[in-house]
Amino acid sequence: MLRKIELISAVFVALLAFATSVPAQSSLPADMHEWALKSIDMVFREDFRNAEAEAQKIIRAYPDHPAGYFFMAAAADTWMLRYQSNRREAEFYRYCDQAIERAEKVLATTPQDEWARFFMGGADGYKGTYEVRYERYITGFRLGWKGVSVFLKMAQEGSKNPDIQFGIGAYDYWRSALMKLLWWMPGVEDKRSVGIQKLREVRQNGLYSKIPAAMVLVDIYVNEELFQDALNASDGMLKQYPRALPFLWGRAQALHGLKRHEEAVTAYQHIFSKCENDPNNNFYNLVQARMGMARGMAALGKNAEALSQLEAIGAYTLSKDIRKRLESVITEANNLKKRVERAS
């Protein structure tokens, strides 16, 4: 399952794009709507400083509304996903909790406020995806279900917005897919195909979540080995957001899956160059990129070049947490190194 955990957070990054891409007649005030759209656009462009600045404008103008806190949580989490760091975890949880607290206060007087319900559910869901990224599955699925159940209830009560199905479909798919890792939790219905279908329909017919649905579908297509679909979706999104790392990963993985190894190596080299000088580099992305290059080089019979990448992986000094998260990749690198050495 290629990069299965770290990309799941794209689910709720994408959810907030749905929340902010609403037309002018939305109950969200026009200035809040504009600031939110700018924040999301900056997130996808990896301009996190300005993404947070736009979210802070919402907080200053609407301190009792959950939206600004939710978007600040989104920016902090996307930063952590981009750099594969947990350095902003406390800040992320604080903003999620503040969003939930504000939403609960709104709902105490206006129980059917759809935006308050959405941001409350989204904040819990966001926390769930973060927990899953660090393989804390029980907590992750509990929080994820708490968030998604809000969307399910909204749908059951007759919401006509097709984008409600986006969060439900993403949760259905990933919960089912990850059950393979949780073999000791029987009785979970396999809803992968149902989730994929919901997301495809949203991609085609959604009012505001077409782009977020594409993001999640890239990850799912790679996980399901539907590599041409993953490549098409990634290439389409990179035209709009050429710096977005999830689509660069999706493109590289899809090319490898299609056995277009020369192109895959080039794609992984591009990712490596992009991440090599990251601030506070913990080597997570570099190990993944080098492993991708090594796979492709070995498949092309370029054993010396593959060996160089694998030796570089072994030379990194990794923290305990990063080494644990990369355990399967390091094992694969060691096994591939032995095979390449024998073939040389």
Protein backbone atom coordinates (compact mmCIF):
# COMPACT_ATOMS: atom_id res chain seq x y z
CA MET A 1 0.00 0.00 0.00
CA LEU A 2 2.03 2.94 -1.34
CA ARG A 3 2.40 5.85 1.10
CA LYS A 4 -1.03 4.86 2.41
CA ILE A 5 -0.96 6.69 5.70
CA GLU A 6 0.63 10.02 5.03
CA LEU A 7 -1.67 10.81 2.15
CA ILE A 8 -4.89 10.19 4.02
CA SER A 9 -4.74 13.68 5.46
CA ALA A 10 -5.55 14.97 2.00
CA VAL A 11 -9.09 13.80 2.73
CA PHE A 12 -9.82 16.55 5.22
CA VAL A 13 -7.57 19.10 3.56
CA ALA A 14 -9.88 18.56 0.63
CA LEU A 15 -12.98 18.79 2.81
CA LEU A 16 -12.25 22.35 3.77
CA ALA A 17 -12.09 23.31 0.10
CA PHE A 18 -15.68 22.15 -0.17
CA ALA A 19 -16.56 24.25 2.83
CA THR A 20 -15.11 27.40 1.34
CA SER A 21 -15.98 27.13 -2.33
CA VAL A 22 -19.56 28.19 -1.84
CA PRO A 23 -21.41 30.77 -3.89
CA ALA A 24 -22.23 34.28 -2.77
CA GLN A 25 -25.69 33.36 -1.50
CA SER A 26 -24.16 31.11 1.17
CA SER A 27 -24.83 31.86 4.82
CA LEU A 28 -21.12 32.51 5.18
CA PRO A 29 -20.49 36.26 5.02
CA ALA A 30 -18.89 37.46 1.80
CA ASP A 31 -15.65 38.58 3.43
CA MET A 32 -15.27 35.28 5.29
CA HIS A 33 -15.90 33.44 2.04
CA GLU A 34 -13.19 35.45 0.26
CA TRP A 35 -10.60 35.00 3.02
CA ALA A 36 -11.32 31.28 3.19
CA LEU A 37 -10.92 30.83 -0.56
CA LYS A 38 -7.60 32.66 -0.47
CA SER A 39 -6.39 30.55 2.46
CA ILE A 40 -7.21 27.33 0.63
CA ASP A 41 -5.56 28.49 -2.58
CA MET A 42 -2.42 29.39 -0.63
CA VAL A 43 -2.40 25.97 1.05
CA PHE A 44 -2.42 24.21 -2.31
CA ARG A 45 0.34 26.52 -3.51
CA GLU A 46 2.38 25.71 -0.37
CA ASP A 47 2.33 29.34 0.72
CA PHE A 48 1.50 28.44 4.30
CA ARG A 49 2.36 31.81 5.81
CA ASN A 50 -0.24 33.61 3.71
CA ALA A 51 -2.72 30.76 4.12
CA GLU A 52 -2.57 31.32 7.86
CA ALA A 53 -2.75 35.09 7.45
CA GLU A 54 -6.04 34.75 5.58
CA ALA A 55 -7.44 32.39 8.22
CA GLN A 56 -6.42 34.83 10.94
CA LYS A 57 -8.46 37.52 9.21
CA ILE A 58 -11.53 35.36 9.75
CA ILE A 59 -10.71 34.90 13.43
CA ARG A 60 -10.23 38.61 13.98
CA ALA A 61 -13.47 39.52 12.22
CA TYR A 62 -15.53 36.55 13.49
CA PRO A 63 -13.98 35.32 16.76
CA ASP A 64 -17.14 33.41 17.73
CA HIS A 65 -17.41 31.52 14.44
CA PRO A 66 -15.67 28.12 14.04
CA ALA A 67 -14.48 28.72 10.47
CA GLY A 68 -11.27 30.66 11.11
CA TYR A 69 -10.04 28.17 13.71
CA PHE A 70 -10.82 25.29 11.37
CA PHE A 71 -8.81 26.87 8.56
CA MET A 72 -5.91 27.55 10.90
CA ALA A 73 -5.97 23.88 11.90
CA ALA A 74 -6.02 22.98 8.22
CA ALA A 75 -3.00 25.13 7.46
CA ALA A 76 -1.05 23.71 10.40
CA ASP A 77 -1.90 20.13 9.48
CA THR A 78 -1.07 20.62 5.82
CA TRP A 79 2.28 22.11 6.83
CA MET A 80 2.96 19.00 8.92
CA LEU A 81 1.91 16.75 6.06
CA ARG A 82 4.11 18.63 3.59
CA TYR A 83 7.20 18.40 5.79
CA GLN A 84 6.26 15.08 7.44
CA SER A 85 6.71 16.67 10.85
CA ASN A 86 4.67 16.68 14.06
CA ARG A 87 6.24 19.92 15.26
CA ARG A 88 2.92 21.80 15.15
CA GLU A 89 0.77 19.09 16.70
CA ALA A 90 -0.19 21.02 19.84
CA GLU A 91 -1.13 24.07 17.77
CA PHE A 92 -3.15 21.92 15.39
CA TYR A 93 -5.15 20.31 18.20
CA ARG A 94 -5.72 23.67 19.86
CA TYR A 95 -7.29 25.11 16.71
CA CYS A 96 -9.40 21.99 16.14
CA ASP A 97 -10.72 22.18 19.70
CA GLN A 98 -11.42 25.89 19.34
CA ALA A 99 -13.40 25.21 16.16
CA ILE A 100 -15.44 22.55 17.94
CA GLU A 101 -16.07 24.79 20.96
CA ARG A 102 -17.28 27.67 18.78
CA ALA A 103 -19.47 25.35 16.75
CA GLU A 104 -21.06 23.89 19.88
CA LYS A 105 -21.90 27.38 21.14
CA VAL A 106 -23.56 28.25 17.83
CA LEU A 107 -25.50 24.98 17.82
CA ALA A 108 -26.69 25.57 21.38
CA THR A 109 -28.85 28.41 20.08
CA THR A 110 -29.20 27.40 16.40
CA PRO A 111 -29.21 23.56 16.31
CA GLN A 112 -29.64 23.29 12.54
CA ASP A 113 -26.85 25.67 11.53
CA GLU A 114 -25.27 23.62 8.74
CA TRP A 115 -21.95 25.46 8.75
CA ALA A 116 -21.50 25.03 12.50
CA ARG A 117 -22.29 21.33 12.12
CA PHE A 118 -19.91 21.03 9.19
CA PHE A 119 -16.96 22.67 10.93
CA MET A 120 -17.57 20.68 14.10
CA GLY A 121 -17.61 17.39 12.19
CA GLY A 122 -14.68 18.46 10.05
CA ALA A 123 -12.51 19.33 13.05
CA ASP A 124 -13.09 15.91 14.65
CA GLY A 125 -12.44 14.26 11.31
CA TYR A 126 -9.26 16.25 10.89
CA LYS A 127 -7.99 14.99 14.23
CA GLY A 128 -8.85 11.46 13.15
CA THR A 129 -6.80 11.64 9.96
CA TYR A 130 -3.86 13.03 11.91
CA GLU A 131 -3.99 10.10 14.34
CA VAL A 132 -4.12 7.60 11.48
CA ARG A 133 -1.05 9.21 9.89
CA TYR A 134 0.88 8.19 12.98
CA GLU A 135 -0.72 4.72 13.00
CA ARG A 136 -2.81 5.38 16.10
CA TYR A 137 -5.68 3.62 14.39
CA ILE A 138 -8.18 3.13 17.19
CA THR A 139 -8.16 6.80 18.16
CA GLY A 140 -8.08 7.81 14.50
CA PHE A 141 -11.10 5.80 13.47
CA ARG A 142 -13.03 6.85 16.57
CA LEU A 143 -12.48 10.53 15.82
CA GLY A 144 -13.01 10.00 12.10
CA TRP A 145 -16.34 8.34 12.69
CA LYS A 146 -17.37 11.08 15.10
CA GLY A 147 -16.78 13.62 12.34
CA VAL A 148 -18.27 11.67 9.45
CA SER A 149 -21.40 10.82 11.46
CA VAL A 150 -22.21 14.53 11.41
CA PHE A 151 -22.18 14.49 7.60
CA LEU A 152 -24.22 11.29 7.51
CA LYS A 153 -26.87 12.85 9.73
CA MET A 154 -26.97 15.95 7.55
CA ALA A 155 -27.49 13.76 4.50
CA GLN A 156 -30.18 11.70 6.24
CA GLU A 157 -32.01 14.90 7.15
CA GLY A 158 -32.32 15.75 3.49
CA SER A 159 -29.35 17.90 2.55
CA LYS A 160 -29.44 18.33 -1.23
CA ASN A 161 -25.80 19.29 -1.53
CA PRO A 162 -24.00 16.51 -3.47
CA ASP A 163 -20.70 17.48 -1.85
CA ILE A 164 -21.87 16.03 1.48
CA GLN A 165 -21.03 12.65 -0.03
CA PHE A 166 -17.39 13.59 -0.42
CA GLY A 167 -16.41 13.10 3.21
CA ILE A 168 -18.63 10.04 3.53
CA GLY A 169 -17.14 8.39 0.44
CA ALA A 170 -13.56 9.10 1.50
CA TYR A 171 -14.17 7.68 4.97
CA ASP A 172 -15.93 4.60 3.56
CA TYR A 173 -12.99 3.84 1.31
CA TRP A 174 -10.09 4.40 3.69
CA ARG A 175 -11.68 2.70 6.67
CA SER A 176 -12.28 -0.38 4.52
CA ALA A 177 -8.82 -0.28 2.93
CA LEU A 178 -7.01 0.08 6.24
CA MET A 179 -8.89 -2.83 7.79
CA LYS A 180 -6.28 -5.02 6.09
CA LEU A 181 -3.83 -3.68 8.65
CA LEU A 182 -6.27 -4.22 11.52
CA TRP A 183 -6.84 -7.95 11.06
CA TRP A 184 -7.89 -8.21 14.71
CA MET A 185 -10.96 -6.03 14.07
CA PRO A 186 -13.40 -8.32 12.23
CA GLY A 187 -16.84 -7.48 10.95
CA VAL A 188 -16.06 -4.32 8.97
CA GLU A 189 -17.91 -4.22 5.66
CA ASP A 190 -15.73 -3.61 2.62
CA LYS A 191 -17.04 -0.32 1.25
CA ARG A 192 -14.11 0.51 -1.00
CA SER A 193 -16.11 0.31 -4.22
CA VAL A 194 -18.97 2.29 -2.67
CA GLY A 195 -16.57 4.98 -1.51
CA ILE A 196 -14.83 5.18 -4.88
CA GLN A 197 -18.14 5.50 -6.69
CA LYS A 198 -19.30 8.28 -4.41
CA LEU A 199 -16.06 10.16 -4.98
CA ARG A 200 -16.26 9.67 -8.75
CA GLU A 201 -19.78 11.06 -8.76
CA VAL A 202 -18.67 14.04 -6.73
CA ARG A 203 -15.76 14.53 -9.12
CA GLN A 204 -18.27 14.67 -12.00
CA ASN A 205 -21.31 16.29 -10.41
CA GLY A 206 -20.20 18.03 -7.25
CA LEU A 207 -20.86 21.71 -7.04
CA TYR A 208 -17.70 22.68 -5.18
CA SER A 209 -15.69 19.58 -4.38
CA LYS A 210 -14.57 18.41 -7.82
CA ILE A 211 -10.93 19.32 -7.19
CA PRO A 212 -10.78 17.86 -3.65
CA ALA A 213 -12.35 14.65 -4.95
CA ALA A 214 -9.55 14.42 -7.52
CA MET A 215 -6.97 14.72 -4.75
CA VAL A 216 -8.40 11.85 -2.76
CA LEU A 217 -9.00 9.74 -5.84
CA VAL A 218 -5.30 9.98 -6.78
CA ASP A 219 -4.37 8.35 -3.49
CA ILE A 220 -7.09 5.73 -3.88
CA TYR A 221 -6.15 4.92 -7.48
CA VAL A 222 -2.56 4.33 -6.44
CA ASN A 223 -3.67 2.18 -3.54
CA GLU A 224 -5.95 0.16 -5.84
CA GLU A 225 -3.22 -0.06 -8.54
CA LEU A 226 -5.35 1.87 -11.02
CA PHE A 227 -2.24 3.62 -12.18
CA GLN A 228 -3.45 5.19 -15.41
CA ASP A 229 -6.34 6.77 -13.55
CA ALA A 230 -3.90 8.06 -10.93
CA LEU A 231 -1.63 9.53 -13.59
CA ASN A 232 -4.47 11.26 -15.41
CA ALA A 233 -5.83 12.79 -12.22
CA SER A 234 -2.38 13.87 -11.00
CA ASP A 235 -1.37 15.47 -14.28
CA GLY A 236 -4.65 17.32 -14.48
CA MET A 237 -4.26 18.76 -10.98
CA LEU A 238 -0.59 19.68 -11.46
CA LYS A 239 -1.62 22.03 -14.25
CA GLN A 240 -3.41 24.09 -11.62
CA TYR A 241 -1.14 23.49 -8.63
CA PRO A 242 2.31 22.51 -9.97
CA ARG A 243 3.92 22.67 -6.52
CA ALA A 244 1.41 20.45 -4.71
CA LEU A 245 3.43 17.55 -3.34
CA PRO A 246 0.56 15.01 -3.08
CA PHE A 247 0.04 15.22 -6.85
CA LEU A 248 3.78 14.97 -7.50
CA TRP A 249 3.89 11.80 -5.39
CA GLY A 250 0.81 10.47 -7.14
CA ARG A 251 2.35 11.08 -10.55
CA ALA A 252 5.63 9.39 -9.64
CA GLN A 253 3.90 6.36 -8.10
CA ALA A 254 1.59 6.02 -11.09
CA LEU A 255 4.48 6.10 -13.56
CA HIS A 256 6.28 3.40 -11.60
CA GLY A 257 3.12 1.30 -11.46
CA LEU A 258 2.79 1.65 -15.24
CA LYS A 259 6.42 0.48 -15.57
CA ARG A 260 7.38 3.75 -17.21
CA HIS A 261 10.51 3.63 -15.14
CA GLU A 262 12.59 6.32 -16.84
CA GLU A 263 9.80 8.83 -16.34
CA ALA A 264 9.23 7.61 -12.79
CA VAL A 265 12.88 8.12 -11.89
CA THR A 266 12.72 11.65 -13.29
CA ALA A 267 9.56 12.33 -11.29
CA TYR A 268 11.16 11.12 -8.07
CA GLN A 269 14.29 13.16 -8.82
CA HIS A 270 12.06 16.23 -9.11
CA ILE A 271 10.51 15.49 -5.71
CA PHE A 272 13.94 14.99 -4.20
CA SER A 273 15.18 18.30 -5.55
CA LYS A 274 12.04 20.02 -4.26
CA CYS A 275 12.46 18.62 -0.74
CA GLU A 276 16.26 18.51 -0.39
CA ASN A 277 16.57 21.98 1.12
CA ASP A 278 13.40 21.92 3.21
CA PRO A 279 13.71 23.77 6.52
CA ASN A 280 14.07 21.46 9.52
CA ASN A 281 14.54 18.53 7.16
CA ASN A 282 13.92 15.23 8.94
CA PHE A 283 14.77 13.19 5.79
CA TYR A 284 11.36 11.50 5.56
CA ASN A 285 10.57 12.81 2.08
CA LEU A 286 14.16 12.31 0.93
CA VAL A 287 14.14 8.65 1.94
CA GLN A 288 10.85 8.12 0.11
CA ALA A 289 12.11 9.90 -3.00
CA ARG A 290 15.43 8.02 -3.03
CA MET A 291 13.56 4.74 -2.60
CA GLY A 292 11.39 5.61 -5.58
CA MET A 293 14.47 6.40 -7.66
CA ALA A 294 16.15 3.18 -6.57
CA ARG A 295 13.13 1.06 -7.52
CA GLY A 296 13.06 2.57 -10.99
CA MET A 297 16.81 2.38 -11.52
CA ALA A 298 16.87 -1.28 -10.45
CA ALA A 299 13.98 -2.05 -12.81
CA LEU A 300 16.00 -0.45 -15.62
CA GLY A 301 19.06 -2.51 -14.77
CA LYS A 302 20.98 0.57 -13.59
CA ASN A 303 22.30 -1.26 -10.57
CA ALA A 304 25.18 1.07 -9.73
CA GLU A 305 22.86 4.07 -9.69
CA ALA A 306 20.27 2.19 -7.64
CA LEU A 307 22.95 1.12 -5.17
CA SER A 308 24.06 4.73 -4.78
CA GLN A 309 20.53 5.77 -3.78
CA LEU A 310 20.15 2.86 -1.37
CA GLU A 311 23.47 3.59 0.31
CA ALA A 312 22.41 7.22 0.70
CA ILE A 313 19.24 6.06 2.47
CA GLY A 314 21.35 4.05 4.89
CA ALA A 315 23.57 7.04 5.60
CA TYR A 316 20.79 9.27 6.91
CA THR A 317 20.63 9.81 10.66
CA LEU A 318 16.93 9.42 11.39
CA SER A 319 15.11 10.23 14.59
CA LYS A 320 13.41 7.36 16.39
CA ASP A 321 9.96 8.52 15.30
CA ILE A 322 10.90 8.96 11.65
CA ARG A 323 12.70 5.61 11.57
CA LYS A 324 9.59 3.94 12.96
CA ARG A 325 7.38 5.55 10.32
CA LEU A 326 9.83 4.51 7.59
CA GLU A 327 10.36 1.00 8.92
CA SER A 328 8.81 -0.79 5.94
CA VAL A 329 10.67 1.45 3.46
CA ILE A 330 14.00 0.84 5.18
CA THR A 331 13.36 -2.91 5.13
CA GLU A 332 12.57 -2.73 1.43
CA ALA A 333 15.72 -0.68 0.81
CA ASN A 334 17.88 -3.24 2.61
CA ASN A 335 16.34 -6.12 0.65
CA LEU A 336 16.71 -4.31 -2.66
CA LYS A 337 20.31 -3.45 -1.82
CA LYS A 338 21.11 -7.14 -1.34
CA ARG A 339 19.48 -8.04 -4.67
CA VAL A 340 21.28 -5.26 -6.52
CA GLU A 341 24.62 -6.25 -5.01
CA ARG A 342 24.11 -9.87 -6.08
CA ALA A 343 23.20 -8.78 -9.61
CA SER A 344 26.19 -6.44 -9.96
